[in-house]
């Protein structure tokens, strides 16, 4: 793959890119690639990351709602 060097970027843009990358859980370089890709090729239909899938889960109750009852020991036949 090719490399791209961008010089003389305003400091406020660098700060915003850093914040945005952090909020997406990626490096500034990855965030920069994503911005270029989406602006030039359109939004991709990539699969959500595991982190994004977890964050999208609705709050469906308290942890105590999902506690398991004690299990009865039983013999295991091998």
PDB file of N, CA and C in Angstrom:
ATOM      1  N   UNK A   1       0.837  -1.189   0.000  1.00  0.00           N
ATOM      2  CA  UNK A   1       0.000   0.000   0.000  1.00  0.00           C
ATOM      3  C   UNK A   1       0.873   1.241   0.000  1.00  0.00           C
ATOM      4  N   UNK A   2       0.330   2.264  -0.533  1.00  0.00           N
ATOM      5  CA  UNK A   2       1.043   3.536  -0.594  1.00  0.00           C
ATOM      6  C   UNK A   2       0.990   4.254   0.748  1.00  0.00           C
ATOM      7  N   UNK A   3       1.915   5.178   0.927  1.00  0.00           N
ATOM      8  CA  UNK A   3       1.924   6.015   2.130  1.00  0.00           C
ATOM      9  C   UNK A   3       1.650   7.447   1.714  1.00  0.00           C
ATOM     10  N   UNK A   4       1.051   8.174   2.600  1.00  0.00           N
ATOM     11  CA  UNK A   4       0.703   9.560   2.336  1.00  0.00           C
ATOM     12  C   UNK A   4       1.173  10.403   3.507  1.00  0.00           C
ATOM     13  N   UNK A   5       1.942  11.431   3.227  1.00  0.00           N
ATOM     14  CA  UNK A   5       2.421  12.343   4.270  1.00  0.00           C
ATOM     15  C   UNK A   5       1.722  13.682   4.072  1.00  0.00           C
ATOM     16  N   UNK A   6       1.119  14.161   5.126  1.00  0.00           N
ATOM     17  CA  UNK A   6       0.412  15.441   5.068  1.00  0.00           C
ATOM     18  C   UNK A   6       1.128  16.394   6.011  1.00  0.00           C
ATOM     19  N   UNK A   7       1.584  17.495   5.479  1.00  0.00           N
ATOM     20  CA  UNK A   7       2.336  18.469   6.279  1.00  0.00           C
ATOM     21  C   UNK A   7       1.495  19.715   6.532  1.00  0.00           C
ATOM     22  N   UNK A   8       1.963  20.486   7.499  1.00  0.00           N
ATOM     23  CA  UNK A   8       1.383  21.789   7.855  1.00  0.00           C
ATOM     24  C   UNK A   8      -0.116  21.689   8.160  1.00  0.00           C
ATOM     25  N   UNK A   9      -0.430  20.817   9.087  1.00  0.00           N
ATOM     26  CA  UNK A   9      -1.822  20.651   9.537  1.00  0.00           C
ATOM     27  C   UNK A   9      -2.030  21.561  10.745  1.00  0.00           C
ATOM     28  N   UNK A  10      -3.124  22.251  10.769  1.00  0.00           N
ATOM     29  CA  UNK A  10      -3.421  23.141  11.891  1.00  0.00           C
ATOM     30  C   UNK A  10      -3.532  22.334  13.183  1.00  0.00           C
ATOM     31  N   UNK A  11      -3.010  22.892  14.242  1.00  0.00           N
ATOM     32  CA  UNK A  11      -2.987  22.198  15.530  1.00  0.00           C
ATOM     33  C   UNK A  11      -4.392  21.839  16.009  1.00  0.00           C
ATOM     34  N   UNK A  12      -5.366  22.684  15.766  1.00  0.00           N
ATOM     35  CA  UNK A  12      -6.732  22.383  16.217  1.00  0.00           C
ATOM     36  C   UNK A  12      -7.308  21.179  15.473  1.00  0.00           C
ATOM     37  N   UNK A  13      -6.899  20.971  14.229  1.00  0.00           N
ATOM     38  CA  UNK A  13      -7.342  19.796  13.476  1.00  0.00           C
ATOM     39  C   UNK A  13      -6.705  18.538  14.055  1.00  0.00           C
ATOM     40  N   UNK A  14      -5.422  18.635  14.396  1.00  0.00           N
ATOM     41  CA  UNK A  14      -4.724  17.494  14.994  1.00  0.00           C
ATOM     42  C   UNK A  14      -5.370  17.117  16.328  1.00  0.00           C
ATOM     43  N   UNK A  15      -5.697  18.100  17.147  1.00  0.00           N
ATOM     44  CA  UNK A  15      -6.344  17.831  18.437  1.00  0.00           C
ATOM     45  C   UNK A  15      -7.701  17.169  18.244  1.00  0.00           C
ATOM     46  N   UNK A  16      -8.476  17.669  17.289  1.00  0.00           N
ATOM     47  CA  UNK A  16      -9.798  17.099  17.041  1.00  0.00           C
ATOM     48  C   UNK A  16      -9.681  15.672  16.497  1.00  0.00           C
ATOM     49  N   UNK A  17      -8.718  15.435  15.618  1.00  0.00           N
ATOM     50  CA  UNK A  17      -8.497  14.094  15.092  1.00  0.00           C
ATOM     51  C   UNK A  17      -8.120  13.133  16.219  1.00  0.00           C
ATOM     52  N   UNK A  18      -7.286  13.602  17.131  1.00  0.00           N
ATOM     53  CA  UNK A  18      -6.862  12.775  18.265  1.00  0.00           C
ATOM     54  C   UNK A  18      -8.051  12.425  19.155  1.00  0.00           C
ATOM     55  N   UNK A  19      -8.904  13.401  19.448  1.00  0.00           N
ATOM     56  CA  UNK A  19     -10.094  13.150  20.263  1.00  0.00           C
ATOM     57  C   UNK A  19     -11.049  12.179  19.564  1.00  0.00           C
ATOM     58  N   UNK A  20     -11.252  12.394  18.280  1.00  0.00           N
ATOM     59  CA  UNK A  20     -12.169  11.551  17.515  1.00  0.00           C
ATOM     60  C   UNK A  20     -11.644  10.111  17.440  1.00  0.00           C
ATOM     61  N   UNK A  21     -10.343   9.973  17.228  1.00  0.00           N
ATOM     62  CA  UNK A  21      -9.739   8.635  17.186  1.00  0.00           C
ATOM     63  C   UNK A  21      -9.906   7.942  18.531  1.00  0.00           C
ATOM     64  N   UNK A  22      -9.681   8.684  19.599  1.00  0.00           N
ATOM     65  CA  UNK A  22      -9.841   8.113  20.935  1.00  0.00           C
ATOM     66  C   UNK A  22     -11.266   7.667  21.202  1.00  0.00           C
ATOM     67  N   UNK A  23     -12.226   8.450  20.745  1.00  0.00           N
ATOM     68  CA  UNK A  23     -13.629   8.077  20.973  1.00  0.00           C
ATOM     69  C   UNK A  23     -14.017   6.845  20.167  1.00  0.00           C
ATOM     70  N   UNK A  24     -13.320   6.599  19.065  1.00  0.00           N
ATOM     71  CA  UNK A  24     -13.583   5.404  18.247  1.00  0.00           C
ATOM     72  C   UNK A  24     -12.678   4.237  18.636  1.00  0.00           C
ATOM     73  N   UNK A  25     -11.749   4.471  19.553  1.00  0.00           N
ATOM     74  CA  UNK A  25     -10.870   3.400  20.014  1.00  0.00           C
ATOM     75  C   UNK A  25      -9.828   2.973  18.992  1.00  0.00           C
ATOM     76  N   UNK A  26      -9.399   3.914  18.147  1.00  0.00           N
ATOM     77  CA  UNK A  26      -8.384   3.608  17.133  1.00  0.00           C
ATOM     78  C   UNK A  26      -7.275   4.650  17.192  1.00  0.00           C
ATOM     79  N   UNK A  27      -6.200   4.380  16.466  1.00  0.00           N
ATOM     80  CA  UNK A  27      -5.103   5.340  16.410  1.00  0.00           C
ATOM     81  C   UNK A  27      -5.494   6.530  15.533  1.00  0.00           C
ATOM     82  N   UNK A  28      -4.734   7.606  15.654  1.00  0.00           N
ATOM     83  CA  UNK A  28      -4.980   8.769  14.795  1.00  0.00           C
ATOM     84  C   UNK A  28      -4.777   8.395  13.326  1.00  0.00           C
ATOM     85  N   UNK A  29      -3.802   7.559  13.072  1.00  0.00           N
ATOM     86  CA  UNK A  29      -3.525   7.135  11.698  1.00  0.00           C
ATOM     87  C   UNK A  29      -4.708   6.352  11.119  1.00  0.00           C
ATOM     88  N   UNK A  30      -5.267   5.443  11.921  1.00  0.00           N
ATOM     89  CA  UNK A  30      -6.428   4.661  11.463  1.00  0.00           C
ATOM     90  C   UNK A  30      -7.632   5.562  11.257  1.00  0.00           C
ATOM     91  N   UNK A  31      -7.822   6.513  12.160  1.00  0.00           N
ATOM     92  CA  UNK A  31      -8.937   7.456  12.028  1.00  0.00           C
ATOM     93  C   UNK A  31      -8.777   8.273  10.751  1.00  0.00           C
ATOM     94  N   UNK A  32      -7.566   8.700  10.465  1.00  0.00           N
ATOM     95  CA  UNK A  32      -7.283   9.468   9.244  1.00  0.00           C
ATOM     96  C   UNK A  32      -7.622   8.628   8.015  1.00  0.00           C
ATOM     97  N   UNK A  33      -7.212   7.353   8.016  1.00  0.00           N
ATOM     98  CA  UNK A  33      -7.537   6.460   6.888  1.00  0.00           C
ATOM     99  C   UNK A  33      -9.047   6.328   6.722  1.00  0.00           C
ATOM    100  N   UNK A  34      -9.753   6.147   7.842  1.00  0.00           N
ATOM    101  CA  UNK A  34     -11.207   5.994   7.778  1.00  0.00           C
ATOM    102  C   UNK A  34     -11.889   7.238   7.216  1.00  0.00           C
ATOM    103  N   UNK A  35     -11.427   8.400   7.635  1.00  0.00           N
ATOM    104  CA  UNK A  35     -12.002   9.653   7.137  1.00  0.00           C
ATOM    105  C   UNK A  35     -11.784   9.771   5.632  1.00  0.00           C
ATOM    106  N   UNK A  36     -10.565   9.499   5.179  1.00  0.00           N
ATOM    107  CA  UNK A  36     -10.283   9.565   3.740  1.00  0.00           C
ATOM    108  C   UNK A  36     -11.122   8.547   2.967  1.00  0.00           C
ATOM    109  N   UNK A  37     -11.167   7.325   3.478  1.00  0.00           N
ATOM    110  CA  UNK A  37     -11.911   6.255   2.802  1.00  0.00           C
ATOM    111  C   UNK A  37     -13.384   6.622   2.663  1.00  0.00           C
ATOM    112  N   UNK A  38     -13.996   7.075   3.763  1.00  0.00           N
ATOM    113  CA  UNK A  38     -15.419   7.401   3.741  1.00  0.00           C
ATOM    114  C   UNK A  38     -15.717   8.625   2.874  1.00  0.00           C
ATOM    115  N   UNK A  39     -14.836   9.618   2.905  1.00  0.00           N
ATOM    116  CA  UNK A  39     -15.102  10.823   2.119  1.00  0.00           C
ATOM    117  C   UNK A  39     -14.899  10.590   0.623  1.00  0.00           C
ATOM    118  N   UNK A  40     -13.984   9.696   0.265  1.00  0.00           N
ATOM    119  CA  UNK A  40     -13.706   9.464  -1.151  1.00  0.00           C
ATOM    120  C   UNK A  40     -14.476   8.285  -1.749  1.00  0.00           C
ATOM    121  N   UNK A  41     -14.762   7.284  -0.933  1.00  0.00           N
ATOM    122  CA  UNK A  41     -15.418   6.082  -1.448  1.00  0.00           C
ATOM    123  C   UNK A  41     -16.834   5.897  -0.914  1.00  0.00           C
ATOM    124  N   UNK A  42     -17.217   6.729   0.030  1.00  0.00           N
ATOM    125  CA  UNK A  42     -18.533   6.588   0.641  1.00  0.00           C
ATOM    126  C   UNK A  42     -18.452   5.711   1.870  1.00  0.00           C
ATOM    127  N   UNK A  43     -19.476   5.783   2.667  1.00  0.00           N
ATOM    128  CA  UNK A  43     -19.516   5.001   3.906  1.00  0.00           C
ATOM    129  C   UNK A  43     -19.511   3.519   3.560  1.00  0.00           C
ATOM    130  N   UNK A  44     -18.664   2.793   4.211  1.00  0.00           N
ATOM    131  CA  UNK A  44     -18.593   1.355   3.968  1.00  0.00           C
ATOM    132  C   UNK A  44     -19.608   0.627   4.828  1.00  0.00           C
ATOM    133  N   UNK A  45     -19.913  -0.564   4.450  1.00  0.00           N
ATOM    134  CA  UNK A  45     -20.828  -1.387   5.227  1.00  0.00           C
ATOM    135  C   UNK A  45     -20.032  -2.429   5.999  1.00  0.00           C
ATOM    136  N   UNK A  46     -18.955  -1.962   6.614  1.00  0.00           N
ATOM    137  CA  UNK A  46     -18.102  -2.893   7.348  1.00  0.00           C
ATOM    138  C   UNK A  46     -18.812  -3.402   8.591  1.00  0.00           C
ATOM    139  N   UNK A  47     -18.397  -4.574   9.019  1.00  0.00           N
ATOM    140  CA  UNK A  47     -18.962  -5.187  10.202  1.00  0.00           C
ATOM    141  C   UNK A  47     -18.577  -4.392  11.439  1.00  0.00           C
ATOM    142  N   UNK A  48     -19.506  -4.309  12.388  1.00  0.00           N
ATOM    143  CA  UNK A  48     -19.205  -3.599  13.630  1.00  0.00           C
ATOM    144  C   UNK A  48     -18.129  -4.336  14.406  1.00  0.00           C
ATOM    145  N   UNK A  49     -17.336  -3.568  15.121  1.00  0.00           N
ATOM    146  CA  UNK A  49     -16.336  -4.178  15.987  1.00  0.00           C
ATOM    147  C   UNK A  49     -17.035  -4.769  17.209  1.00  0.00           C
ATOM    148  N   UNK A  50     -16.327  -5.625  17.912  1.00  0.00           N
ATOM    149  CA  UNK A  50     -16.874  -6.224  19.125  1.00  0.00           C
ATOM    150  C   UNK A  50     -17.241  -5.132  20.129  1.00  0.00           C
ATOM    151  N   UNK A  51     -16.382  -4.130  20.234  1.00  0.00           N
ATOM    152  CA  UNK A  51     -16.637  -3.020  21.157  1.00  0.00           C
ATOM    153  C   UNK A  51     -17.925  -2.296  20.770  1.00  0.00           C
ATOM    154  N   UNK A  52     -18.117  -2.030  19.478  1.00  0.00           N
ATOM    155  CA  UNK A  52     -19.325  -1.343  19.023  1.00  0.00           C
ATOM    156  C   UNK A  52     -20.570  -2.179  19.277  1.00  0.00           C
ATOM    157  N   UNK A  53     -20.450  -3.498  19.086  1.00  0.00           N
ATOM    158  CA  UNK A  53     -21.582  -4.387  19.335  1.00  0.00           C
ATOM    159  C   UNK A  53     -21.963  -4.377  20.817  1.00  0.00           C
ATOM    160  N   UNK A  54     -20.959  -4.407  21.693  1.00  0.00           N
ATOM    161  CA  UNK A  54     -21.247  -4.359  23.130  1.00  0.00           C
ATOM    162  C   UNK A  54     -21.891  -3.041  23.528  1.00  0.00           C
ATOM    163  N   UNK A  55     -21.382  -1.946  22.969  1.00  0.00           N
ATOM    164  CA  UNK A  55     -21.932  -0.632  23.316  1.00  0.00           C
ATOM    165  C   UNK A  55     -23.365  -0.461  22.807  1.00  0.00           C
ATOM    166  N   UNK A  56     -23.731  -1.194  21.767  1.00  0.00           N
ATOM    167  CA  UNK A  56     -25.070  -1.079  21.201  1.00  0.00           C
ATOM    168  C   UNK A  56     -26.102  -1.918  21.945  1.00  0.00           C
ATOM    169  N   UNK A  57     -25.648  -2.777  22.848  1.00  0.00           N
ATOM    170  CA  UNK A  57     -26.585  -3.637  23.580  1.00  0.00           C
ATOM    171  C   UNK A  57     -27.440  -2.796  24.533  1.00  0.00           C
ATOM    172  N   UNK A  58     -28.742  -3.066  24.539  1.00  0.00           N
ATOM    173  CA  UNK A  58     -29.613  -2.303  25.447  1.00  0.00           C
ATOM    174  C   UNK A  58     -29.447  -2.772  26.890  1.00  0.00           C
ATOM    175  N   UNK A  59     -29.774  -1.901  27.804  1.00  0.00           N
ATOM    176  CA  UNK A  59     -29.750  -2.249  29.225  1.00  0.00           C
ATOM    177  C   UNK A  59     -31.035  -3.021  29.504  1.00  0.00           C
ATOM    178  N   UNK A  60     -30.904  -4.312  29.800  1.00  0.00           N
ATOM    179  CA  UNK A  60     -32.096  -5.149  29.974  1.00  0.00           C
ATOM    180  C   UNK A  60     -32.280  -5.632  31.403  1.00  0.00           C
ATOM    181  N   UNK A  61     -31.548  -5.107  32.322  1.00  0.00           N
ATOM    182  CA  UNK A  61     -31.749  -5.521  33.703  1.00  0.00           C
ATOM    183  C   UNK A  61     -30.486  -5.411  34.521  1.00  0.00           C
ATOM    184  N   UNK A  62     -30.619  -5.838  35.755  1.00  0.00           N
ATOM    185  CA  UNK A  62     -29.500  -5.819  36.688  1.00  0.00           C
ATOM    186  C   UNK A  62     -28.726  -7.126  36.577  1.00  0.00           C
ATOM    187  N   UNK A  63     -27.477  -7.123  37.006  1.00  0.00           N
ATOM    188  CA  UNK A  63     -26.675  -8.345  36.999  1.00  0.00           C
ATOM    189  C   UNK A  63     -27.358  -9.454  37.793  1.00  0.00           C
ATOM    190  N   UNK A  64     -28.023  -9.083  38.885  1.00  0.00           N
ATOM    191  CA  UNK A  64     -28.684 -10.092  39.732  1.00  0.00           C
ATOM    192  C   UNK A  64     -29.803 -10.813  38.973  1.00  0.00           C
ATOM    193  N   UNK A  65     -30.370 -10.185  37.945  1.00  0.00           N
ATOM    194  CA  UNK A  65     -31.413 -10.838  37.150  1.00  0.00           C
ATOM    195  C   UNK A  65     -30.875 -12.053  36.391  1.00  0.00           C
ATOM    196  N   UNK A  66     -29.577 -12.109  36.208  1.00  0.00           N
ATOM    197  CA  UNK A  66     -28.980 -13.159  35.399  1.00  0.00           C
ATOM    198  C   UNK A  66     -28.138 -14.141  36.216  1.00  0.00           C
ATOM    199  N   UNK A  67     -28.274 -14.078  37.540  1.00  0.00           N
ATOM    200  CA  UNK A  67     -27.511 -14.993  38.383  1.00  0.00           C
ATOM    201  C   UNK A  67     -28.007 -16.418  38.175  1.00  0.00           C
ATOM    202  N   UNK A  68     -27.062 -17.348  38.173  1.00  0.00           N
ATOM    203  CA  UNK A  68     -27.399 -18.753  37.992  1.00  0.00           C
ATOM    204  C   UNK A  68     -27.669 -19.396  39.341  1.00  0.00           C
ATOM    205  N   UNK A  69     -28.618 -20.301  39.339  1.00  0.00           N
ATOM    206  CA  UNK A  69     -28.913 -21.039  40.562  1.00  0.00           C
ATOM    207  C   UNK A  69     -27.861 -22.117  40.732  1.00  0.00           C
ATOM    208  N   UNK A  70     -27.719 -22.590  41.962  1.00  0.00           N
ATOM    209  CA  UNK A  70     -26.749 -23.648  42.243  1.00  0.00           C
ATOM    210  C   UNK A  70     -27.091 -24.880  41.410  1.00  0.00           C
ATOM    211  N   UNK A  71     -26.063 -25.499  40.866  1.00  0.00           N
ATOM    212  CA  UNK A  71     -26.271 -26.688  40.048  1.00  0.00           C
ATOM    213  C   UNK A  71     -26.034 -27.948  40.866  1.00  0.00           C
ATOM    214  N   UNK A  72     -26.769 -28.962  40.550  1.00  0.00           N
ATOM    215  CA  UNK A  72     -26.633 -30.237  41.238  1.00  0.00           C
ATOM    216  C   UNK A  72     -25.497 -31.011  40.572  1.00  0.00           C
ATOM    217  N   UNK A  73     -24.580 -31.505  41.415  1.00  0.00           N
ATOM    218  CA  UNK A  73     -23.487 -32.305  40.864  1.00  0.00           C
ATOM    219  C   UNK A  73     -24.050 -33.603  40.296  1.00  0.00           C
ATOM    220  N   UNK A  74     -23.523 -34.003  39.177  1.00  0.00           N
ATOM    221  CA  UNK A  74     -23.939 -35.267  38.587  1.00  0.00           C
ATOM    222  C   UNK A  74     -22.722 -35.967  38.027  1.00  0.00           C
ATOM    223  N   UNK A  75     -22.774 -37.275  37.987  1.00  0.00           N
ATOM    224  CA  UNK A  75     -21.607 -38.012  37.482  1.00  0.00           C
ATOM    225  C   UNK A  75     -21.433 -37.792  35.978  1.00  0.00           C
ATOM    226  N   UNK A  76     -20.192 -37.786  35.577  1.00  0.00           N
ATOM    227  CA  UNK A  76     -19.852 -37.650  34.166  1.00  0.00           C
ATOM    228  C   UNK A  76     -19.312 -38.980  33.683  1.00  0.00           C
ATOM    229  N   UNK A  77     -19.909 -39.548  32.672  1.00  0.00           N
ATOM    230  CA  UNK A  77     -19.498 -40.835  32.113  1.00  0.00           C
ATOM    231  C   UNK A  77     -18.612 -40.591  30.902  1.00  0.00           C
ATOM    232  N   UNK A  78     -17.421 -41.136  30.974  1.00  0.00           N
ATOM    233  CA  UNK A  78     -16.474 -40.946  29.866  1.00  0.00           C
ATOM    234  C   UNK A  78     -16.374 -42.211  29.050  1.00  0.00           C
TER     235      UNK A  78
END
